[in-house]
């Protein structure tokens, strides 16, 4: 694997991890909003939720633009995921 491909895999792995973290934050904030008792805390959590949604959108756009993420084409996403998996397996051998 050449340096450019290695950097691309690193970028893809980091972006994927960040995207998953943003999704997790969205779920957590949404759940917390339904459980909070005070309007002030609810507003704070909603602000955090909105930021997490914005972050998710930015990360998704970055990944789509770089060919790492194909949310509307499952077959293409499977190809990307398989290639990434094969690359990682090749690195461990």
C-alpha atoms as a PDB file:
ATOM      1  CA  UNK A   1       0.000   0.000   0.000  1.00  0.00           C
ATOM      2  CA  UNK A   2       1.416   3.383  -0.948  1.00  0.00           C
ATOM      3  CA  UNK A   3       1.507   6.450   1.302  1.00  0.00           C
ATOM      4  CA  UNK A   4      -1.436   8.167  -0.375  1.00  0.00           C
ATOM      5  CA  UNK A   5      -3.638   5.077  -0.002  1.00  0.00           C
ATOM      6  CA  UNK A   6      -2.542   4.747   3.623  1.00  0.00           C
ATOM      7  CA  UNK A   7      -3.413   8.389   4.331  1.00  0.00           C
ATOM      8  CA  UNK A   8      -6.763   7.927   2.605  1.00  0.00           C
ATOM      9  CA  UNK A   9      -7.518   4.877   4.756  1.00  0.00           C
ATOM     10  CA  UNK A  10      -6.552   6.850   7.866  1.00  0.00           C
ATOM     11  CA  UNK A  11      -8.791   9.762   6.836  1.00  0.00           C
ATOM     12  CA  UNK A  12     -11.644   7.373   6.102  1.00  0.00           C
ATOM     13  CA  UNK A  13     -11.230   5.563   9.427  1.00  0.00           C
ATOM     14  CA  UNK A  14     -11.103   8.809  11.412  1.00  0.00           C
ATOM     15  CA  UNK A  15     -14.088  10.283   9.567  1.00  0.00           C
ATOM     16  CA  UNK A  16     -16.093   7.091  10.071  1.00  0.00           C
ATOM     17  CA  UNK A  17     -15.322   7.045  13.792  1.00  0.00           C
ATOM     18  CA  UNK A  18     -16.303  10.709  14.111  1.00  0.00           C
ATOM     19  CA  UNK A  19     -19.532  10.091  12.197  1.00  0.00           C
ATOM     20  CA  UNK A  20     -20.421   7.189  14.487  1.00  0.00           C
ATOM     21  CA  UNK A  21     -19.655   9.337  17.527  1.00  0.00           C
ATOM     22  CA  UNK A  22     -21.906  12.114  16.210  1.00  0.00           C
ATOM     23  CA  UNK A  23     -24.718   9.599  15.662  1.00  0.00           C
ATOM     24  CA  UNK A  24     -24.260   8.295  19.183  1.00  0.00           C
ATOM     25  CA  UNK A  25     -24.346  11.835  20.588  1.00  0.00           C
ATOM     26  CA  UNK A  26     -27.578  12.565  18.706  1.00  0.00           C
ATOM     27  CA  UNK A  27     -29.214   9.481  20.189  1.00  0.00           C
ATOM     28  CA  UNK A  28     -27.958  10.327  23.680  1.00  0.00           C
ATOM     29  CA  UNK A  29     -29.085  13.944  23.580  1.00  0.00           C
ATOM     30  CA  UNK A  30     -32.493  13.002  22.180  1.00  0.00           C
ATOM     31  CA  UNK A  31     -33.014  10.488  24.972  1.00  0.00           C
ATOM     32  CA  UNK A  32     -31.814  12.944  27.624  1.00  0.00           C
ATOM     33  CA  UNK A  33     -34.210  15.627  26.373  1.00  0.00           C
ATOM     34  CA  UNK A  34     -37.152  13.314  26.959  1.00  0.00           C
ATOM     35  CA  UNK A  35     -36.025  12.669  30.543  1.00  0.00           C
ATOM     36  CA  UNK A  36     -35.120  16.166  31.716  1.00  0.00           C
ATOM     37  CA  UNK A  37     -37.336  18.042  34.138  1.00  0.00           C
ATOM     38  CA  UNK A  38     -36.242  21.662  33.819  1.00  0.00           C
ATOM     39  CA  UNK A  39     -36.769  23.957  30.827  1.00  0.00           C
ATOM     40  CA  UNK A  40     -33.237  25.346  31.135  1.00  0.00           C
ATOM     41  CA  UNK A  41     -31.624  21.931  30.971  1.00  0.00           C
ATOM     42  CA  UNK A  42     -33.935  20.908  28.144  1.00  0.00           C
ATOM     43  CA  UNK A  43     -32.860  23.976  26.152  1.00  0.00           C
ATOM     44  CA  UNK A  44     -29.191  23.275  26.808  1.00  0.00           C
ATOM     45  CA  UNK A  45     -29.599  19.691  25.642  1.00  0.00           C
ATOM     46  CA  UNK A  46     -31.486  20.853  22.549  1.00  0.00           C
ATOM     47  CA  UNK A  47     -28.628  23.217  21.739  1.00  0.00           C
ATOM     48  CA  UNK A  48     -26.162  20.336  22.066  1.00  0.00           C
ATOM     49  CA  UNK A  49     -28.411  18.133  19.941  1.00  0.00           C
ATOM     50  CA  UNK A  50     -28.532  20.759  17.202  1.00  0.00           C
ATOM     51  CA  UNK A  51     -24.734  21.021  17.229  1.00  0.00           C
ATOM     52  CA  UNK A  52     -24.411  17.237  17.027  1.00  0.00           C
ATOM     53  CA  UNK A  53     -26.809  17.176  14.061  1.00  0.00           C
ATOM     54  CA  UNK A  54     -24.802  19.930  12.351  1.00  0.00           C
ATOM     55  CA  UNK A  55     -21.560  18.029  13.001  1.00  0.00           C
ATOM     56  CA  UNK A  56     -23.094  14.855  11.570  1.00  0.00           C
ATOM     57  CA  UNK A  57     -24.147  16.747   8.455  1.00  0.00           C
ATOM     58  CA  UNK A  58     -20.662  18.222   7.977  1.00  0.00           C
ATOM     59  CA  UNK A  59     -18.985  14.848   8.452  1.00  0.00           C
ATOM     60  CA  UNK A  60     -21.455  13.144   6.107  1.00  0.00           C
ATOM     61  CA  UNK A  61     -20.823  15.758   3.429  1.00  0.00           C
ATOM     62  CA  UNK A  62     -17.054  15.361   3.808  1.00  0.00           C
ATOM     63  CA  UNK A  63     -17.299  11.587   3.542  1.00  0.00           C
ATOM     64  CA  UNK A  64     -19.632  11.727   0.535  1.00  0.00           C
ATOM     65  CA  UNK A  65     -17.365  14.219  -1.262  1.00  0.00           C
ATOM     66  CA  UNK A  66     -14.357  11.955  -0.686  1.00  0.00           C
ATOM     67  CA  UNK A  67     -16.136   8.749  -1.721  1.00  0.00           C
ATOM     68  CA  UNK A  68     -16.054   7.221   1.771  1.00  0.00           C
ATOM     69  CA  UNK A  69     -19.813   7.232   2.351  1.00  0.00           C
ATOM     70  CA  UNK A  70     -22.699   6.422   0.004  1.00  0.00           C
ATOM     71  CA  UNK A  71     -25.884   6.748   2.086  1.00  0.00           C
ATOM     72  CA  UNK A  72     -28.181   6.511  -0.951  1.00  0.00           C
ATOM     73  CA  UNK A  73     -26.429   3.617  -2.709  1.00  0.00           C
ATOM     74  CA  UNK A  74     -26.166   0.522  -0.545  1.00  0.00           C
ATOM     75  CA  UNK A  75     -24.332  -1.506  -3.183  1.00  0.00           C
ATOM     76  CA  UNK A  76     -21.659   1.165  -3.591  1.00  0.00           C
ATOM     77  CA  UNK A  77     -21.298   1.472   0.198  1.00  0.00           C
ATOM     78  CA  UNK A  78     -20.817  -2.285   0.460  1.00  0.00           C
ATOM     79  CA  UNK A  79     -17.996  -2.029  -2.108  1.00  0.00           C
ATOM     80  CA  UNK A  80     -16.320   0.756  -0.104  1.00  0.00           C
ATOM     81  CA  UNK A  81     -16.685  -1.191   3.143  1.00  0.00           C
ATOM     82  CA  UNK A  82     -15.312  -4.385   1.587  1.00  0.00           C
ATOM     83  CA  UNK A  83     -12.322  -2.525   0.142  1.00  0.00           C
ATOM     84  CA  UNK A  84     -11.587  -0.950   3.527  1.00  0.00           C
ATOM     85  CA  UNK A  85     -11.895  -4.332   5.227  1.00  0.00           C
ATOM     86  CA  UNK A  86      -9.575  -5.986   2.713  1.00  0.00           C
ATOM     87  CA  UNK A  87      -7.046  -3.194   3.153  1.00  0.00           C
ATOM     88  CA  UNK A  88      -7.076  -3.563   6.926  1.00  0.00           C
ATOM     89  CA  UNK A  89      -6.768  -7.343   6.681  1.00  0.00           C
ATOM     90  CA  UNK A  90      -3.841  -6.899   4.300  1.00  0.00           C
ATOM     91  CA  UNK A  91      -2.135  -4.629   6.804  1.00  0.00           C
ATOM     92  CA  UNK A  92      -2.352  -7.250   9.547  1.00  0.00           C
ATOM     93  CA  UNK A  93      -0.819 -10.055   7.511  1.00  0.00           C
END
